[in-house]
Protein backbone atom coordinates (compact mmCIF):
# COMPACT_ATOMS: atom_id res chain seq x y z
CA UNK A 1 59.20 -73.27 40.68
CA UNK A 2 55.41 -73.46 40.32
CA UNK A 3 53.52 -71.50 37.68
CA UNK A 4 51.76 -69.40 40.32
CA UNK A 5 55.04 -68.48 41.94
CA UNK A 6 56.44 -67.59 38.54
CA UNK A 7 53.50 -65.24 37.97
CA UNK A 8 54.00 -63.73 41.41
CA UNK A 9 57.57 -62.94 40.51
CA UNK A 10 56.55 -60.95 37.44
CA UNK A 11 56.19 -57.21 37.90
CA UNK A 12 52.67 -55.92 37.07
CA UNK A 13 52.58 -53.47 34.19
CA UNK A 14 51.61 -50.03 35.55
CA UNK A 15 48.28 -48.80 34.22
CA UNK A 16 47.28 -45.18 34.84
CA UNK A 17 43.55 -44.51 34.57
CA UNK A 18 42.17 -41.23 33.31
CA UNK A 19 40.04 -39.19 35.70
CA UNK A 20 36.93 -40.18 33.81
CA UNK A 21 37.90 -43.86 34.01
CA UNK A 22 38.22 -43.31 37.76
CA UNK A 23 34.73 -41.80 37.78
CA UNK A 24 33.46 -44.94 36.06
CA UNK A 25 35.17 -47.07 38.71
CA UNK A 26 33.50 -45.02 41.46
CA UNK A 27 30.09 -45.43 39.81
CA UNK A 28 30.58 -49.22 39.48
CA UNK A 29 31.61 -49.50 43.16
CA UNK A 30 28.53 -47.52 44.23
CA UNK A 31 26.32 -49.81 42.15
CA UNK A 32 27.71 -52.86 43.93
CA UNK A 33 30.35 -54.17 41.51
CA UNK A 34 33.04 -56.31 43.15
CA UNK A 35 36.62 -55.10 43.47
CA UNK A 36 37.87 -58.22 41.63
CA UNK A 37 35.62 -57.59 38.61
CA UNK A 38 36.84 -53.97 38.39
CA UNK A 39 40.47 -55.10 38.66
CA UNK A 40 39.93 -57.57 35.84
CA UNK A 41 38.15 -55.02 33.62
CA UNK A 42 40.73 -52.25 33.99
CA UNK A 43 43.85 -54.34 34.68
CA UNK A 44 44.57 -52.56 37.95
CA UNK A 45 45.50 -53.73 41.44
CA UNK A 46 43.18 -53.93 44.44
CA UNK A 47 45.13 -51.13 46.13
CA UNK A 48 44.44 -48.85 43.16
CA UNK A 49 40.70 -49.48 43.52
CA UNK A 50 40.97 -48.81 47.25
CA UNK A 51 42.80 -45.52 46.61
CA UNK A 52 40.14 -44.42 44.11
CA UNK A 53 37.39 -45.22 46.62
CA UNK A 54 39.12 -43.15 49.32
CA UNK A 55 39.60 -40.17 47.00
CA UNK A 56 36.19 -40.29 45.29
CA UNK A 57 35.04 -36.90 46.63
CA UNK A 58 38.29 -35.21 45.57
CA UNK A 59 38.06 -36.76 42.09
CA UNK A 60 34.46 -35.66 41.59
CA UNK A 61 35.14 -32.13 42.81
CA UNK A 62 38.18 -31.82 40.52
CA UNK A 63 36.24 -33.00 37.47
CA UNK A 64 33.39 -30.58 38.26
CA UNK A 65 35.72 -27.68 38.95
CA UNK A 66 37.67 -28.04 35.72
CA UNK A 67 34.72 -28.94 33.51
CA UNK A 68 35.98 -32.34 32.35
CA UNK A 69 33.90 -33.89 29.61
CA UNK A 70 33.40 -37.63 30.00
CA UNK A 71 33.82 -38.43 26.31
CA UNK A 72 36.92 -36.34 25.60
CA UNK A 73 39.01 -35.85 28.73
CA UNK A 74 42.14 -37.96 29.03
CA UNK A 75 43.55 -36.14 32.07
CA UNK A 76 44.93 -38.66 34.53
CA UNK A 77 46.32 -36.69 37.45
CA UNK A 78 44.75 -33.99 39.60
CA UNK A 79 47.43 -31.35 39.07
CA UNK A 80 46.49 -28.11 40.82
CA UNK A 81 47.89 -24.74 39.69
CA UNK A 82 50.72 -23.13 41.65
CA UNK A 83 48.54 -20.08 42.29
CA UNK A 84 44.84 -20.92 42.51
CA UNK A 85 43.67 -17.28 42.61
CA UNK A 86 45.35 -16.52 39.27
CA UNK A 87 44.02 -19.72 37.73
CA UNK A 88 40.48 -18.85 38.85
CA UNK A 89 40.81 -15.27 37.59
CA UNK A 90 41.99 -16.31 34.11
CA UNK A 91 39.27 -18.96 33.84
CA UNK A 92 36.61 -16.41 34.86
CA UNK A 93 37.95 -14.01 32.21
CA UNK A 94 37.66 -16.73 29.56
CA UNK A 95 34.16 -17.77 30.67
CA UNK A 96 32.74 -14.25 30.42
CA UNK A 97 34.13 -13.74 26.92
CA UNK A 98 32.85 -17.12 25.80
CA UNK A 99 29.42 -16.34 27.24
CA UNK A 100 29.43 -13.17 25.12
CA UNK A 101 30.15 -15.20 21.98
CA UNK A 102 33.70 -13.87 21.50
CA UNK A 103 36.52 -15.99 20.08
CA UNK A 104 39.70 -16.23 22.19
CA UNK A 105 43.19 -17.13 21.01
CA UNK A 106 45.96 -18.65 23.09
CA UNK A 107 48.08 -15.48 22.92
CA UNK A 108 45.13 -13.51 24.34
CA UNK A 109 44.83 -15.93 27.25
CA UNK A 110 48.54 -15.52 27.96
CA UNK A 111 48.32 -11.71 27.81
CA UNK A 112 45.30 -11.74 30.14
CA UNK A 113 47.15 -14.03 32.58
CA UNK A 114 50.12 -11.63 32.70
CA UNK A 115 47.83 -8.66 33.34
CA UNK A 116 45.84 -10.45 36.05
CA UNK A 117 49.05 -11.68 37.73
CA UNK A 118 50.14 -8.05 38.13
CA UNK A 119 46.71 -7.12 39.53
CA UNK A 120 47.02 -9.96 42.06
CA UNK A 121 50.60 -8.91 42.97
CA UNK A 122 52.02 -12.24 41.84
CA UNK A 123 55.70 -11.70 41.10
CA UNK A 124 57.98 -13.63 38.73
CA UNK A 125 55.07 -15.04 36.73
CA UNK A 126 55.30 -15.57 32.99
CA UNK A 127 52.44 -16.98 30.94
CA UNK A 128 54.68 -19.22 28.84
CA UNK A 129 53.58 -21.74 26.23
CA UNK A 130 54.06 -24.44 28.85
CA UNK A 131 51.80 -22.58 31.28
CA UNK A 132 49.15 -22.20 28.54
CA UNK A 133 49.35 -25.93 27.72
CA UNK A 134 48.92 -26.91 31.38
CA UNK A 135 46.10 -24.38 31.88
CA UNK A 136 44.19 -25.65 28.85
CA UNK A 137 44.75 -29.25 29.88
CA UNK A 138 43.68 -28.57 33.47
CA UNK A 139 40.42 -26.92 32.35
CA UNK A 140 39.91 -29.23 29.36
CA UNK A 141 39.95 -26.24 26.99
CA UNK A 142 40.70 -26.92 23.32
CA UNK A 143 41.12 -24.57 20.39
CA UNK A 144 37.79 -25.85 19.11
CA UNK A 145 35.81 -24.62 22.09
CA UNK A 146 37.44 -21.21 22.51
CA UNK A 147 37.82 -20.12 18.91
CA UNK A 148 35.77 -19.97 15.77
CA UNK A 149 32.00 -20.44 15.83
CA UNK A 150 29.94 -17.84 17.64
CA UNK A 151 28.22 -18.92 20.84
CA UNK A 152 25.00 -17.06 20.09
CA UNK A 153 21.75 -18.53 21.30
CA UNK A 154 19.92 -20.97 19.02
CA UNK A 155 16.75 -22.95 19.40
CA UNK A 156 18.59 -26.26 19.24
CA UNK A 157 20.66 -25.36 22.31
CA UNK A 158 17.56 -24.36 24.24
CA UNK A 159 15.64 -27.46 23.21
CA UNK A 160 18.55 -29.71 24.18
CA UNK A 161 18.72 -28.09 27.60
CA UNK A 162 14.93 -28.29 28.00
CA UNK A 163 15.05 -32.07 27.40
CA UNK A 164 18.04 -32.47 29.72
CA UNK A 165 16.25 -30.58 32.48
CA UNK A 166 13.08 -32.63 31.97
CA UNK A 167 15.07 -35.86 32.28
CA UNK A 168 16.73 -34.65 35.50
CA UNK A 169 13.40 -33.64 37.05
CA UNK A 170 11.94 -37.08 36.27
CA UNK A 171 15.00 -39.08 37.30
CA UNK A 172 15.51 -37.16 40.55
CA UNK A 173 11.74 -36.89 41.17
CA UNK A 174 12.01 -33.12 41.68
CA UNK A 175 8.65 -31.42 42.19
CA UNK A 176 7.78 -27.96 40.79
CA UNK A 177 7.92 -26.69 44.39
CA UNK A 178 11.55 -27.91 44.54
CA UNK A 179 12.70 -26.28 41.29
CA UNK A 180 14.04 -22.73 41.71
CA UNK A 181 15.57 -20.01 39.60
CA UNK A 182 17.36 -16.87 40.70
CA UNK A 183 18.09 -13.84 38.59
CA UNK A 184 19.85 -10.54 39.15
CA UNK A 185 19.32 -7.05 37.85
CA UNK A 186 20.33 -3.46 38.49
CA UNK A 187 17.99 -0.88 40.00
CA UNK A 188 18.39 2.89 39.71
CA UNK A 189 16.45 3.48 42.86
CA UNK A 190 16.48 7.28 43.10
CA UNK A 191 16.40 8.36 39.45
CA UNK A 192 13.71 10.44 37.70
CA UNK A 193 13.19 11.47 34.07
CA UNK A 194 15.32 14.47 33.10
CA UNK A 195 12.22 16.46 32.08
CA UNK A 196 10.69 16.58 35.59
CA UNK A 197 10.46 19.78 37.62
CA UNK A 198 12.84 18.16 40.11
CA UNK A 199 15.52 17.94 37.44
CA UNK A 200 15.07 21.63 36.73
CA UNK A 201 14.79 22.62 40.41
CA UNK A 202 17.99 20.90 41.42
CA UNK A 203 20.06 23.11 39.15
CA UNK A 204 19.27 26.05 41.45
CA UNK A 205 19.75 24.06 44.66
CA UNK A 206 23.40 24.46 45.73
CA UNK A 207 25.26 21.52 47.21
CA UNK A 208 22.93 18.81 46.00
CA UNK A 209 22.73 16.88 42.77
CA UNK A 210 20.05 14.43 41.69
CA UNK A 211 21.37 10.99 42.51
CA UNK A 212 21.19 8.08 40.12
CA UNK A 213 22.16 5.66 42.83
CA UNK A 214 22.16 2.04 41.73
CA UNK A 215 22.00 -1.23 43.61
CA UNK A 216 21.96 -4.80 42.40
CA UNK A 217 19.03 -6.98 43.36
CA UNK A 218 18.41 -10.74 43.29
CA UNK A 219 15.08 -12.51 43.11
CA UNK A 220 14.59 -16.25 43.57
CA UNK A 221 11.36 -18.24 43.33
CA UNK A 222 10.15 -21.78 42.73
CA UNK A 223 8.20 -23.15 39.76
CA UNK A 224 4.83 -23.60 41.45
CA UNK A 225 4.69 -19.88 42.33
CA UNK A 226 4.25 -20.36 46.07
CA UNK A 227 7.71 -19.60 47.40
CA UNK A 228 9.62 -16.40 46.76
CA UNK A 229 12.81 -16.19 48.82
CA UNK A 230 13.66 -12.99 50.68
CA UNK A 231 15.12 -10.55 48.10
CA UNK A 232 18.83 -9.71 48.09
CA UNK A 233 20.18 -6.18 47.64
CA UNK A 234 23.83 -5.25 47.08
CA UNK A 235 24.83 -1.66 47.79
CA UNK A 236 28.17 0.10 48.09
CA UNK A 237 28.36 0.85 51.81
CA UNK A 238 28.74 -1.86 54.40
CA UNK A 239 26.43 -0.22 56.94
CA UNK A 240 24.53 2.74 55.48
CA UNK A 241 23.53 5.24 58.16
CA UNK A 242 19.81 4.76 57.57
CA UNK A 243 19.87 1.02 58.31
CA UNK A 244 22.95 0.47 60.45
CA UNK A 245 20.90 -0.27 63.59
CA UNK A 246 18.43 -2.64 61.91
CA UNK A 247 20.66 -4.73 59.66
CA UNK A 248 19.30 -8.01 61.06
CA UNK A 249 15.66 -6.89 60.84
CA UNK A 250 15.48 -5.81 57.20
CA UNK A 251 12.94 -7.38 54.81
CA UNK A 252 15.86 -8.14 52.46
CA UNK A 253 19.32 -9.65 52.73
CA UNK A 254 21.73 -6.71 52.40
CA UNK A 255 25.31 -7.06 51.13
CA UNK A 256 27.87 -4.60 49.84
CA UNK A 257 30.65 -4.49 47.26
CA UNK A 258 32.89 -1.82 45.80
CA UNK A 259 30.65 -1.18 42.78
CA UNK A 260 27.32 -2.47 44.16
CA UNK A 261 27.51 -5.57 41.98
CA UNK A 262 27.27 -9.21 42.96
CA UNK A 263 30.57 -11.01 43.53
CA UNK A 264 31.32 -14.72 43.87
CA UNK A 265 31.78 -14.33 47.62
CA UNK A 266 28.39 -12.63 48.02
CA UNK A 267 26.64 -15.28 45.94
CA UNK A 268 28.28 -18.14 47.87
CA UNK A 269 27.44 -16.56 51.24
CA UNK A 270 23.83 -15.92 50.21
CA UNK A 271 23.37 -19.45 48.87
CA UNK A 272 24.73 -21.32 51.88
CA UNK A 273 23.65 -19.00 54.72
CA UNK A 274 20.35 -17.66 53.40
CA UNK A 275 18.92 -19.60 50.44
CA UNK A 276 19.58 -23.16 51.63
CA UNK A 277 18.05 -22.59 55.12
CA UNK A 278 15.04 -20.78 53.58
CA UNK A 279 14.40 -23.59 51.09
CA UNK A 280 14.74 -26.29 53.76
CA UNK A 281 12.49 -24.40 56.17
CA UNK A 282 9.82 -23.94 53.48
CA UNK A 283 9.81 -27.62 52.56
CA UNK A 284 9.73 -28.95 56.13
CA UNK A 285 7.41 -26.37 57.73
CA UNK A 286 5.04 -25.47 54.87
CA UNK A 287 5.12 -28.49 52.57
CA UNK A 288 5.61 -30.91 55.51
CA UNK A 289 8.32 -32.80 53.64
CA UNK A 290 10.45 -35.00 55.97
CA UNK A 291 14.01 -33.76 56.53
CA UNK A 292 15.52 -36.72 54.67
CA UNK A 293 13.34 -35.98 51.60
CA UNK A 294 14.23 -32.29 51.27
CA UNK A 295 15.92 -31.45 47.97
CA UNK A 296 16.00 -28.70 45.37
CA UNK A 297 17.52 -27.77 42.04
CA UNK A 298 18.35 -24.08 41.53
CA UNK A 299 18.85 -22.79 37.98
CA UNK A 300 21.02 -19.75 37.30
CA UNK A 301 22.49 -17.98 34.31
CA UNK A 302 26.18 -18.03 33.47
CA UNK A 303 26.89 -14.47 34.56
CA UNK A 304 30.66 -13.83 34.91
CA UNK A 305 30.29 -12.99 38.62
CA UNK A 306 28.73 -16.35 39.46
CA UNK A 307 30.91 -18.92 41.21
CA UNK A 308 31.37 -22.44 39.89
CA UNK A 309 28.54 -24.90 40.38
CA UNK A 310 30.26 -27.10 42.94
CA UNK A 311 30.55 -24.06 45.22
CA UNK A 312 26.77 -23.74 45.15
CA UNK A 313 25.88 -27.13 46.60
CA UNK A 314 24.50 -27.61 50.11
CA UNK A 315 26.66 -29.53 52.58
CA UNK A 316 24.33 -32.53 52.42
CA UNK A 317 24.38 -32.39 48.56
CA UNK A 318 20.56 -32.22 48.46
CA UNK A 319 20.28 -28.65 47.18
CA UNK A 320 22.29 -28.13 44.01
CA UNK A 321 22.64 -25.59 41.23
CA UNK A 322 22.71 -25.91 37.45
CA UNK A 323 23.74 -23.34 34.83
CA UNK A 324 21.47 -22.38 31.97
CA UNK A 325 23.19 -22.50 28.56
CA UNK A 326 25.18 -19.44 27.51
CA UNK A 327 23.19 -16.52 26.09
CA UNK A 328 19.80 -17.89 27.17
CA UNK A 329 19.08 -15.53 30.07
CA UNK A 330 16.72 -13.35 28.08
CA UNK A 331 14.78 -16.05 26.18
CA UNK A 332 14.26 -18.72 28.87
CA UNK A 333 15.41 -17.73 32.36
CA UNK A 334 12.18 -17.67 34.46
CA UNK A 335 13.00 -14.55 36.48
CA UNK A 336 13.51 -12.71 33.19
CA UNK A 337 10.07 -13.71 31.90
CA UNK A 338 8.20 -10.92 33.68
CA UNK A 339 9.18 -11.37 37.34
CA UNK A 340 12.09 -8.92 37.56
CA UNK A 341 10.28 -6.62 35.11
CA UNK A 342 7.16 -6.54 37.30
CA UNK A 343 9.11 -6.09 40.56
CA UNK A 344 10.97 -3.07 39.22
CA UNK A 345 7.86 -1.38 37.85
CA UNK A 346 5.99 -1.98 41.09
CA UNK A 347 8.93 -0.44 42.98
CA UNK A 348 9.06 2.61 40.71
CA UNK A 349 5.34 3.11 41.15
CA UNK A 350 5.72 3.09 44.95
CA UNK A 351 8.73 5.39 44.63
CA UNK A 352 6.75 7.98 42.63
CA UNK A 353 3.76 7.84 44.97
CA UNK A 354 6.10 8.50 47.89
CA UNK A 355 8.07 11.44 46.52
CA UNK A 356 5.76 13.31 44.13
CA UNK A 357 3.97 16.29 45.70
CA UNK A 358 0.31 16.07 44.65
CA UNK A 359 -1.28 19.12 46.35
CA UNK A 360 -2.03 21.65 43.62
CA UNK A 361 -1.24 25.34 44.33
CA UNK A 362 -4.08 27.72 45.03
CA UNK A 363 -5.26 30.36 42.58
CA UNK A 364 -2.51 32.86 41.90
CA UNK A 365 0.08 30.87 43.90
CA UNK A 366 3.39 29.79 42.43
CA UNK A 367 3.62 26.07 41.69
CA UNK A 368 6.42 24.91 43.97
CA UNK A 369 5.65 21.22 43.76
CA UNK A 370 8.97 20.58 42.02
CA UNK A 371 10.88 21.96 45.01
CA UNK A 372 8.77 19.96 47.47
CA UNK A 373 9.29 16.81 45.41
CA UNK A 374 13.02 17.53 45.43
CA UNK A 375 12.97 17.61 49.23
CA UNK A 376 11.03 14.36 49.31
CA UNK A 377 13.58 12.86 46.93
CA UNK A 378 16.44 13.94 49.19
CA UNK A 379 14.66 12.30 52.13
CA UNK A 380 14.17 9.08 50.16
CA UNK A 381 17.16 7.09 51.43
CA UNK A 382 18.31 3.49 51.07
CA UNK A 383 16.01 2.42 53.91
CA UNK A 384 13.01 3.77 51.99
CA UNK A 385 14.21 1.94 48.90
CA UNK A 386 14.66 -1.39 50.72
CA UNK A 387 11.20 -1.36 52.26
CA UNK A 388 9.55 -0.22 49.04
CA UNK A 389 11.32 -2.89 47.01
CA UNK A 390 10.46 -5.64 49.52
CA UNK A 391 6.84 -4.47 49.38
CA UNK A 392 6.93 -4.54 45.56
CA UNK A 393 8.19 -8.13 45.58
CA UNK A 394 5.35 -9.13 47.92
CA UNK A 395 2.87 -7.61 45.47
CA UNK A 396 3.99 -9.93 42.63
CA UNK A 397 1.10 -12.29 41.88
CA UNK A 398 1.66 -16.07 42.16
CA UNK A 399 0.33 -16.39 38.59
CA UNK A 400 3.17 -14.16 37.37
CA UNK A 401 5.66 -16.54 39.00
CA UNK A 402 3.96 -19.63 37.55
CA UNK A 403 3.78 -18.17 34.04
CA UNK A 404 7.45 -17.20 34.14
CA UNK A 405 8.41 -20.91 33.97
CA UNK A 406 6.29 -21.81 30.93
CA UNK A 407 8.83 -20.71 28.31
CA UNK A 408 11.57 -22.87 29.82
CA UNK A 409 9.51 -25.93 30.73
CA UNK A 410 6.93 -26.21 27.93
CA UNK A 411 8.07 -23.61 25.37
CA UNK A 412 4.94 -21.50 25.82
CA UNK A 413 5.10 -17.71 25.52
CA UNK A 414 3.14 -15.86 28.23
CA UNK A 415 2.85 -12.08 28.40
CA UNK A 416 3.35 -10.63 31.91
CA UNK A 417 0.39 -9.02 33.65
CA UNK A 418 0.83 -5.30 32.98
CA UNK A 419 -2.32 -4.07 34.73
CA UNK A 420 -1.60 -0.56 36.15
CA UNK A 421 2.06 -0.86 35.10
CA UNK A 422 1.90 0.43 31.52
CA UNK A 423 3.77 3.57 30.50
CA UNK A 424 0.44 5.42 30.37
CA UNK A 425 -0.24 4.49 34.02
CA UNK A 426 3.04 6.10 35.09
CA UNK A 427 2.23 9.13 32.95
CA UNK A 428 -0.95 9.66 34.98
CA UNK A 429 1.06 9.55 38.22
CA UNK A 430 3.46 12.21 36.90
CA UNK A 431 0.54 14.39 35.85
CA UNK A 432 -0.99 14.13 39.35
CA UNK A 433 2.31 15.42 40.69
CA UNK A 434 2.23 18.43 38.36
CA UNK A 435 4.86 17.00 35.99
CA UNK A 436 3.07 18.07 32.80
CA UNK A 437 6.20 18.30 30.66
CA UNK A 438 7.11 14.62 31.07
CA UNK A 439 6.30 12.72 27.87
CA UNK A 440 5.50 9.05 27.33
CA UNK A 441 8.88 8.71 25.61
CA UNK A 442 10.64 10.20 28.66
CA UNK A 443 8.88 7.72 30.93
CA UNK A 444 9.66 4.75 28.67
CA UNK A 445 13.34 5.67 28.69
CA UNK A 446 13.28 6.11 32.49
CA UNK A 447 11.58 2.75 33.06
CA UNK A 448 14.11 0.89 30.92
CA UNK A 449 17.27 2.83 31.85
CA UNK A 450 18.51 0.13 34.24
CA UNK A 451 17.08 -2.83 32.32
CA UNK A 452 20.38 -4.04 30.86
CA UNK A 453 22.83 -2.53 33.31
CA UNK A 454 23.72 -5.85 34.97
CA UNK A 455 23.06 -8.42 32.23
CA UNK A 456 26.22 -9.86 30.65
CA UNK A 457 28.37 -7.26 32.41
CA UNK A 458 31.96 -7.83 31.28
CA UNK A 459 34.19 -7.60 34.33
CA UNK A 460 37.30 -5.46 34.15
CA UNK A 461 40.62 -6.83 35.37
CA UNK A 462 40.10 -4.94 38.63
CA UNK A 463 36.62 -6.44 39.08
CA UNK A 464 37.90 -9.95 38.41
CA UNK A 465 40.59 -9.44 41.05
CA UNK A 466 37.90 -8.13 43.44
CA UNK A 467 35.98 -11.36 42.89
CA UNK A 468 39.11 -13.34 43.79
CA UNK A 469 40.02 -11.30 46.85
CA UNK A 470 38.24 -9.47 49.64
CA UNK A 471 38.23 -5.77 48.82
CA UNK A 472 39.19 -3.67 51.80
CA UNK A 473 36.83 -0.90 50.77
CA UNK A 474 33.93 -3.36 51.01
CA UNK A 475 34.76 -4.09 54.62
CA UNK A 476 34.90 -0.53 55.88
CA UNK A 477 31.96 1.17 57.51
CA UNK A 478 31.93 4.04 55.03
CA UNK A 479 29.79 7.14 55.44
CA UNK A 480 27.36 7.40 52.54
CA UNK A 481 25.65 10.45 51.11
CA UNK A 482 22.58 9.93 53.28
CA UNK A 483 24.70 9.93 56.43
CA UNK A 484 26.53 13.10 55.39
CA UNK A 485 23.22 14.86 54.80
CA UNK A 486 21.79 13.66 58.10
CA UNK A 487 24.80 15.11 59.91
CA UNK A 488 24.13 18.53 58.34
CA UNK A 489 20.34 18.63 58.32
CA UNK A 490 18.83 19.69 61.69
CA UNK A 491 16.57 17.09 63.32
CA UNK A 492 12.90 17.88 63.70
CA UNK A 493 11.68 18.75 67.18
CA UNK A 494 9.64 16.07 68.95
CA UNK A 495 6.87 18.57 69.61
CA UNK A 496 6.50 19.25 65.88
CA UNK A 497 6.49 15.50 65.15
CA UNK A 498 3.71 15.01 67.72
CA UNK A 499 1.66 17.82 66.16
CA UNK A 500 1.92 16.22 62.72
CA UNK A 501 1.04 12.84 64.17
CA UNK A 502 -2.07 14.32 65.80
CA UNK A 503 -3.25 15.36 62.32
CA UNK A 504 -2.68 11.83 61.01
CA UNK A 505 -4.51 10.29 63.98
CA UNK A 506 -7.46 12.61 63.44
CA UNK A 507 -7.55 11.61 59.76
CA UNK A 508 -7.52 7.90 60.64
CA UNK A 509 -10.13 8.41 63.37
CA UNK A 510 -12.59 10.02 60.94
CA UNK A 511 -11.98 7.53 58.11
CA UNK A 512 -14.51 4.81 57.34
CA UNK A 513 -12.05 2.63 55.42
CA UNK A 514 -11.26 -0.41 57.59
CA UNK A 515 -7.78 -0.75 56.06
CA UNK A 516 -6.94 2.77 57.28
CA UNK A 517 -8.75 2.69 60.62
CA UNK A 518 -6.88 -0.51 61.53
CA UNK A 519 -3.81 1.65 62.22
CA UNK A 520 -5.53 3.89 64.78
CA UNK A 521 -4.28 2.02 67.85
CA UNK A 522 -0.74 1.75 66.47
CA UNK A 523 -0.56 5.48 65.82
CA UNK A 524 -1.82 6.31 69.31
CA UNK A 525 0.85 3.99 70.76
CA UNK A 526 3.49 5.75 68.66
CA UNK A 527 2.31 9.11 70.02
CA UNK A 528 2.68 7.82 73.59
CA UNK A 529 6.27 6.77 72.87
CA UNK A 530 7.05 10.21 71.41
CA UNK A 531 5.58 11.92 74.50
CA UNK A 532 7.68 9.72 76.81
CA UNK A 533 10.79 10.44 74.74
CA UNK A 534 10.03 14.16 74.95
CA UNK A 535 9.62 14.00 78.77
CA UNK A 536 12.83 12.01 79.12
CA UNK A 537 14.80 14.64 77.19
CA UNK A 538 13.30 17.45 79.27
CA UNK A 539 14.38 15.62 82.45
CA UNK A 540 17.96 15.36 81.13
CA UNK A 541 18.00 19.06 80.32
């Protein structure tokens, strides 16, 4: 028997590569290495190399999903959990506690898994020691990275990330116009300081209570300050009465969830269906970048409600996302360096100008401005809020957007432009509306009441389950407070509306301001439509 035949008769020793070794094999193949050289280096068969090549996308997605670290992970097989929803829920629970700097023990992970399994209606589940071992191994979680040292922000972490980001931008040749950040915040859109006349007037108004309605909002802009994506607003009701007939014409993207907070599903839908098309359209139509050169990197914080990074990647892999380090939202996230702050103050200024009654009472007359403001407040619905907020976002100066990136990119502190947005400026507005008892301290508290409502929100077990499943209440066309009031409140007669419009038209007609007189033709056209509507109703009667 020849030597070659003897070798052929020997059984090859089985070698099982780790997932990270498989990643290295994929990288070598993509760089042009021959199959034979890879076989020789790793001691594996040609068929093994072929199998790795075929499964390269699955391998990469698995490593991304379970946060494998190239230097430490020895995981060899892609073992998926028996119940993916429970696995995702437990991992999300761990991530939010870690992002808050809290230490977590194995027994606490097991207890959380048992609780979440009940919430998800998973029967016959027991978070045993074996389950904990497999969970930790699957997610590459060690005692070292879940227990012990606090995860509080430090300058070294920020500087390391800053250098990493700089290297990525250079390597990938990403322009400032292709670098984005999105941030979220809460907005108490119909709240007023407790010391206003409205707060006092409402106590004697039966059947109505001052609403502190909240929504969540999202702002996203690029680093050169020239592209702000359409804002996103999350409310409670799927189709609020005030906007149910114009959902596709709003100046924002509107979503809903049970508690008006962002969920993973909302974020994923917004990214793929709204953000990616908007970014591509901006680059091809405005920047004139060829389709095959379009790309973008979107930075986001590690909020518990955010999905995993691989779920926020465009289908062509050209628009990707990257998490900021834990606990760095406040110090370096661009949207938190004056953009969200400015948008909310601009909104609240528009809100006050819209609802405060400014006409002073005549001599000897009772000051009823508080009651009139209360009526204006009741009429201020979610539609008013959406259009005012969209207008506020448009009013943000490009320089504010540019400056918001300086802390992250070049470690330069820049104060936001506070012209006409200081506490004293709001105090003047309240005084014009007759709110003389409102103090600067009251206003400061009111302006900042919703500042930290959304940041680092720790999800309850129910909220984690809601992120994993589609909540039925979010899919129903519920009747909100505005709709209930509209069903009770009698509609104004068209004749009265026309009379009021005639006064407005006369005002515009006599005004020398070009910005005001520009609306003359539009108002006359509106009056014609009202007259036709009035005639049509008379014909029906």
